[in-house]
Amino acid sequence: MPIYRCPRCGKESFSFWQKQSLGPLRKITCRSCGARVSVPWVVSTVIILIGVFATPTVALVAAVVAWNAFGAFGGIVTFLGSALAVGAIGSWLYHRFVPLVTRDA
């Protein structure tokens, strides 16, 4: 589980799940320096919107194809599997491309 560094003091203060649950309106406090930390609006919102629209779209298309080829059970299993896969990719994108920023104001 990666540990993220505080943008103010540079010490490892945040867990993977703390950052994954962090949005632009939410702030968390650094354990070392007390800085209020969040994520930037534009980058986080774009990646969240990609996940919100891509996950059901890919899952539905894959499920329809599988339903026609393998029947109802194949469609349901494919829907769930592809939704989890695309969700995991969205989670990785958030981890990789959304930086932590200080929001002390």
N, C-alpha and C. Protein backbone atom coordinates (compact mmCIF):
# COMPACT_ATOMS: atom_id res chain seq x y z
N MET A 1 0.85 -1.18 0.00
CA MET A 1 0.00 0.00 0.00
C MET A 1 0.90 1.24 0.00
N PRO A 2 0.79 2.07 -1.05
CA PRO A 2 1.67 3.25 -1.12
C PRO A 2 1.32 4.29 -0.06
N ILE A 3 2.31 5.00 0.36
CA ILE A 3 2.14 6.10 1.29
C ILE A 3 2.47 7.38 0.53
N TYR A 4 1.58 8.35 0.61
CA TYR A 4 1.77 9.61 -0.10
C TYR A 4 2.39 10.65 0.81
N ARG A 5 3.23 11.48 0.22
CA ARG A 5 3.92 12.53 0.97
C ARG A 5 3.07 13.79 1.04
N CYS A 6 3.19 14.47 2.15
CA CYS A 6 2.51 15.75 2.34
C CYS A 6 3.14 16.77 1.39
N PRO A 7 2.32 17.56 0.67
CA PRO A 7 2.91 18.55 -0.24
C PRO A 7 3.61 19.70 0.49
N ARG A 8 3.34 19.88 1.78
CA ARG A 8 3.99 20.95 2.51
C ARG A 8 5.29 20.48 3.16
N CYS A 9 5.24 19.44 4.00
CA CYS A 9 6.43 19.03 4.76
C CYS A 9 7.21 17.90 4.09
N GLY A 10 6.61 17.19 3.16
CA GLY A 10 7.31 16.12 2.45
C GLY A 10 7.37 14.80 3.18
N LYS A 11 6.75 14.69 4.35
CA LYS A 11 6.76 13.43 5.10
C LYS A 11 5.61 12.54 4.66
N GLU A 12 5.83 11.23 4.73
CA GLU A 12 4.80 10.26 4.36
C GLU A 12 3.69 10.29 5.40
N SER A 13 2.50 10.77 4.99
CA SER A 13 1.42 10.98 5.95
C SER A 13 0.08 10.39 5.53
N PHE A 14 -0.07 9.98 4.28
CA PHE A 14 -1.38 9.59 3.79
C PHE A 14 -1.35 8.19 3.17
N SER A 15 -2.37 7.41 3.47
CA SER A 15 -2.45 6.06 2.91
C SER A 15 -3.11 6.10 1.54
N PHE A 16 -3.03 4.99 0.85
CA PHE A 16 -3.67 4.84 -0.46
C PHE A 16 -5.16 5.12 -0.37
N TRP A 17 -5.83 4.54 0.62
CA TRP A 17 -7.28 4.69 0.73
C TRP A 17 -7.69 6.09 1.16
N GLN A 18 -6.86 6.78 1.90
CA GLN A 18 -7.17 8.16 2.24
C GLN A 18 -7.20 9.01 0.97
N LYS A 19 -6.23 8.81 0.09
CA LYS A 19 -6.21 9.59 -1.15
C LYS A 19 -7.34 9.16 -2.08
N GLN A 20 -7.62 7.87 -2.18
CA GLN A 20 -8.67 7.40 -3.07
C GLN A 20 -10.04 7.95 -2.67
N SER A 21 -10.25 8.19 -1.39
CA SER A 21 -11.53 8.71 -0.93
C SER A 21 -11.55 10.23 -0.85
N LEU A 22 -10.49 10.86 -1.29
CA LEU A 22 -10.36 12.31 -1.20
C LEU A 22 -10.85 12.95 -2.49
N GLY A 23 -11.75 13.90 -2.37
CA GLY A 23 -12.23 14.67 -3.51
C GLY A 23 -11.86 16.12 -3.34
N PRO A 24 -12.17 16.97 -4.32
CA PRO A 24 -11.77 18.37 -4.22
C PRO A 24 -12.47 19.14 -3.11
N LEU A 25 -13.61 18.67 -2.63
CA LEU A 25 -14.30 19.36 -1.53
C LEU A 25 -13.89 18.86 -0.16
N ARG A 26 -13.20 17.74 -0.10
CA ARG A 26 -12.82 17.14 1.18
C ARG A 26 -11.35 17.44 1.47
N LYS A 27 -11.04 17.68 2.74
CA LYS A 27 -9.66 17.93 3.16
C LYS A 27 -9.30 16.94 4.26
N ILE A 28 -8.04 16.52 4.27
CA ILE A 28 -7.51 15.71 5.36
C ILE A 28 -6.29 16.42 5.93
N THR A 29 -5.97 16.10 7.17
CA THR A 29 -4.88 16.80 7.86
C THR A 29 -3.63 15.93 7.89
N CYS A 30 -2.49 16.55 7.62
CA CYS A 30 -1.20 15.87 7.70
C CYS A 30 -0.89 15.57 9.17
N ARG A 31 -0.44 14.35 9.42
CA ARG A 31 -0.10 13.95 10.79
C ARG A 31 1.14 14.66 11.31
N SER A 32 2.01 15.09 10.42
CA SER A 32 3.27 15.71 10.84
C SER A 32 3.17 17.22 11.05
N CYS A 33 2.68 17.92 10.02
CA CYS A 33 2.70 19.39 10.10
C CYS A 33 1.34 20.03 10.28
N GLY A 34 0.27 19.26 10.18
CA GLY A 34 -1.07 19.80 10.37
C GLY A 34 -1.65 20.50 9.16
N ALA A 35 -0.99 20.40 8.02
CA ALA A 35 -1.49 21.06 6.80
C ALA A 35 -2.79 20.40 6.35
N ARG A 36 -3.69 21.22 5.83
CA ARG A 36 -4.94 20.71 5.26
C ARG A 36 -4.66 20.37 3.79
N VAL A 37 -4.89 19.12 3.42
CA VAL A 37 -4.52 18.63 2.10
C VAL A 37 -5.76 18.15 1.35
N SER A 38 -5.80 18.44 0.05
CA SER A 38 -6.89 18.02 -0.80
C SER A 38 -6.32 17.68 -2.18
N VAL A 39 -7.17 17.61 -3.18
CA VAL A 39 -6.75 17.36 -4.56
C VAL A 39 -7.25 18.50 -5.44
N PRO A 40 -6.58 18.77 -6.57
CA PRO A 40 -7.02 19.87 -7.44
C PRO A 40 -8.36 19.55 -8.11
N TRP A 41 -9.14 20.59 -8.35
CA TRP A 41 -10.48 20.43 -8.91
C TRP A 41 -10.48 19.81 -10.30
N VAL A 42 -9.75 20.38 -11.22
CA VAL A 42 -9.87 19.99 -12.63
C VAL A 42 -9.42 18.55 -12.86
N VAL A 43 -8.23 18.21 -12.42
CA VAL A 43 -7.69 16.88 -12.68
C VAL A 43 -8.54 15.79 -12.03
N SER A 44 -8.89 16.00 -10.76
CA SER A 44 -9.68 14.97 -10.06
C SER A 44 -11.07 14.84 -10.67
N THR A 45 -11.69 15.95 -11.04
CA THR A 45 -13.04 15.89 -11.61
C THR A 45 -13.04 15.19 -12.97
N VAL A 46 -12.04 15.47 -13.80
CA VAL A 46 -11.96 14.81 -15.11
C VAL A 46 -11.81 13.30 -14.94
N ILE A 47 -10.94 12.86 -14.05
CA ILE A 47 -10.72 11.43 -13.86
C ILE A 47 -11.95 10.77 -13.23
N ILE A 48 -12.60 11.46 -12.31
CA ILE A 48 -13.83 10.91 -11.72
C ILE A 48 -14.91 10.78 -12.78
N LEU A 49 -15.07 11.77 -13.65
CA LEU A 49 -16.08 11.70 -14.71
C LEU A 49 -15.78 10.61 -15.72
N ILE A 50 -14.50 10.41 -16.03
CA ILE A 50 -14.14 9.31 -16.92
C ILE A 50 -14.59 7.99 -16.31
N GLY A 51 -14.32 7.80 -15.03
CA GLY A 51 -14.74 6.58 -14.36
C GLY A 51 -16.24 6.42 -14.29
N VAL A 52 -16.95 7.52 -14.04
CA VAL A 52 -18.41 7.46 -13.92
C VAL A 52 -19.06 7.08 -15.24
N PHE A 53 -18.53 7.58 -16.35
CA PHE A 53 -19.14 7.28 -17.64
C PHE A 53 -18.56 6.06 -18.32
N ALA A 54 -17.27 5.82 -18.17
CA ALA A 54 -16.64 4.69 -18.86
C ALA A 54 -17.03 3.35 -18.25
N THR A 55 -17.13 3.28 -16.93
CA THR A 55 -17.41 2.00 -16.28
C THR A 55 -18.73 1.39 -16.73
N PRO A 56 -19.87 2.09 -16.62
CA PRO A 56 -21.11 1.46 -17.06
C PRO A 56 -21.19 1.26 -18.58
N THR A 57 -20.58 2.18 -19.35
CA THR A 57 -20.63 2.05 -20.80
C THR A 57 -19.90 0.79 -21.26
N VAL A 58 -18.67 0.62 -20.81
CA VAL A 58 -17.90 -0.56 -21.19
C VAL A 58 -18.56 -1.83 -20.68
N ALA A 59 -19.05 -1.79 -19.44
CA ALA A 59 -19.68 -2.97 -18.86
C ALA A 59 -20.95 -3.36 -19.63
N LEU A 60 -21.76 -2.38 -20.01
CA LEU A 60 -22.99 -2.68 -20.76
C LEU A 60 -22.70 -3.23 -22.15
N VAL A 61 -21.74 -2.64 -22.85
CA VAL A 61 -21.40 -3.13 -24.19
C VAL A 61 -20.86 -4.56 -24.10
N ALA A 62 -19.98 -4.81 -23.15
CA ALA A 62 -19.43 -6.16 -22.98
C ALA A 62 -20.52 -7.15 -22.59
N ALA A 63 -21.45 -6.73 -21.74
CA ALA A 63 -22.53 -7.61 -21.31
C ALA A 63 -23.47 -7.96 -22.45
N VAL A 64 -23.78 -7.00 -23.31
CA VAL A 64 -24.67 -7.27 -24.45
C VAL A 64 -24.01 -8.26 -25.40
N VAL A 65 -22.73 -8.07 -25.66
CA VAL A 65 -22.01 -9.01 -26.54
C VAL A 65 -21.99 -10.40 -25.92
N ALA A 66 -21.69 -10.48 -24.65
CA ALA A 66 -21.62 -11.78 -23.97
C ALA A 66 -23.01 -12.42 -23.86
N TRP A 67 -24.04 -11.62 -23.63
CA TRP A 67 -25.41 -12.13 -23.52
C TRP A 67 -25.82 -12.81 -24.83
N ASN A 68 -25.48 -12.16 -25.95
CA ASN A 68 -25.81 -12.74 -27.26
C ASN A 68 -25.01 -14.00 -27.54
N ALA A 69 -23.79 -14.07 -27.04
CA ALA A 69 -22.94 -15.23 -27.31
C ALA A 69 -23.14 -16.35 -26.31
N PHE A 70 -23.33 -16.03 -25.03
CA PHE A 70 -23.33 -17.06 -23.98
C PHE A 70 -24.61 -17.12 -23.15
N GLY A 71 -25.55 -16.24 -23.40
CA GLY A 71 -26.79 -16.26 -22.63
C GLY A 71 -26.75 -15.32 -21.44
N ALA A 72 -27.80 -15.41 -20.62
CA ALA A 72 -27.98 -14.48 -19.50
C ALA A 72 -26.84 -14.56 -18.48
N PHE A 73 -26.46 -15.76 -18.09
CA PHE A 73 -25.41 -15.90 -17.08
C PHE A 73 -24.10 -15.31 -17.57
N GLY A 74 -23.74 -15.57 -18.82
CA GLY A 74 -22.52 -15.01 -19.40
C GLY A 74 -22.56 -13.50 -19.45
N GLY A 75 -23.74 -12.93 -19.74
CA GLY A 75 -23.88 -11.47 -19.78
C GLY A 75 -23.70 -10.84 -18.41
N ILE A 76 -24.28 -11.48 -17.39
CA ILE A 76 -24.17 -10.94 -16.03
C ILE A 76 -22.74 -11.02 -15.53
N VAL A 77 -22.11 -12.16 -15.73
CA VAL A 77 -20.71 -12.34 -15.29
C VAL A 77 -19.80 -11.36 -16.02
N THR A 78 -20.00 -11.19 -17.31
CA THR A 78 -19.18 -10.27 -18.09
C THR A 78 -19.40 -8.83 -17.64
N PHE A 79 -20.65 -8.46 -17.35
CA PHE A 79 -20.95 -7.11 -16.86
C PHE A 79 -20.18 -6.83 -15.56
N LEU A 80 -20.27 -7.75 -14.61
CA LEU A 80 -19.59 -7.55 -13.33
C LEU A 80 -18.07 -7.52 -13.49
N GLY A 81 -17.53 -8.44 -14.27
CA GLY A 81 -16.08 -8.50 -14.48
C GLY A 81 -15.54 -7.26 -15.17
N SER A 82 -16.23 -6.80 -16.20
CA SER A 82 -15.74 -5.62 -16.92
C SER A 82 -15.92 -4.36 -16.09
N ALA A 83 -16.99 -4.28 -15.28
CA ALA A 83 -17.16 -3.12 -14.40
C ALA A 83 -16.03 -3.06 -13.38
N LEU A 84 -15.65 -4.20 -12.82
CA LEU A 84 -14.54 -4.22 -11.86
C LEU A 84 -13.22 -3.85 -12.54
N ALA A 85 -13.01 -4.34 -13.75
CA ALA A 85 -11.76 -4.05 -14.45
C ALA A 85 -11.64 -2.56 -14.78
N VAL A 86 -12.70 -1.97 -15.31
CA VAL A 86 -12.66 -0.55 -15.65
C VAL A 86 -12.57 0.29 -14.38
N GLY A 87 -13.24 -0.13 -13.32
CA GLY A 87 -13.13 0.58 -12.04
C GLY A 87 -11.71 0.55 -11.50
N ALA A 88 -11.03 -0.57 -11.67
CA ALA A 88 -9.64 -0.68 -11.23
C ALA A 88 -8.74 0.24 -12.04
N ILE A 89 -9.01 0.36 -13.32
CA ILE A 89 -8.22 1.28 -14.16
C ILE A 89 -8.46 2.72 -13.72
N GLY A 90 -9.71 3.07 -13.42
CA GLY A 90 -10.02 4.41 -12.93
C GLY A 90 -9.33 4.70 -11.61
N SER A 91 -9.28 3.70 -10.74
CA SER A 91 -8.59 3.85 -9.46
C SER A 91 -7.09 4.09 -9.68
N TRP A 92 -6.50 3.36 -10.61
CA TRP A 92 -5.08 3.55 -10.91
C TRP A 92 -4.84 4.95 -11.49
N LEU A 93 -5.72 5.42 -12.38
CA LEU A 93 -5.58 6.75 -12.94
C LEU A 93 -5.61 7.83 -11.85
N TYR A 94 -6.52 7.66 -10.89
CA TYR A 94 -6.62 8.61 -9.78
C TYR A 94 -5.34 8.58 -8.94
N HIS A 95 -4.85 7.39 -8.67
CA HIS A 95 -3.60 7.22 -7.91
C HIS A 95 -2.43 7.88 -8.62
N ARG A 96 -2.35 7.69 -9.92
CA ARG A 96 -1.18 8.10 -10.69
C ARG A 96 -1.17 9.58 -11.06
N PHE A 97 -2.34 10.14 -11.42
CA PHE A 97 -2.36 11.46 -12.03
C PHE A 97 -2.99 12.57 -11.19
N VAL A 98 -3.55 12.25 -10.03
CA VAL A 98 -4.15 13.29 -9.19
C VAL A 98 -3.19 13.59 -8.04
N PRO A 99 -2.60 14.78 -8.03
CA PRO A 99 -1.64 15.10 -6.95
C PRO A 99 -2.35 15.60 -5.70
N LEU A 100 -1.65 15.54 -4.60
CA LEU A 100 -2.13 16.14 -3.35
C LEU A 100 -1.66 17.60 -3.33
N VAL A 101 -2.53 18.50 -2.88
CA VAL A 101 -2.20 19.92 -2.77
C VAL A 101 -2.63 20.43 -1.40
N THR A 102 -1.97 21.49 -0.92
CA THR A 102 -2.36 22.06 0.36
C THR A 102 -3.50 23.04 0.16
N ARG A 103 -4.42 23.02 1.11
CA ARG A 103 -5.60 23.91 1.09
C ARG A 103 -5.79 24.47 2.50
N ASP A 104 -4.90 25.32 2.93
CA ASP A 104 -4.96 25.84 4.30
C ASP A 104 -5.93 27.00 4.48
N ALA A 105 -6.37 27.58 3.41
CA ALA A 105 -7.23 28.77 3.51
C ALA A 105 -8.60 28.45 4.07
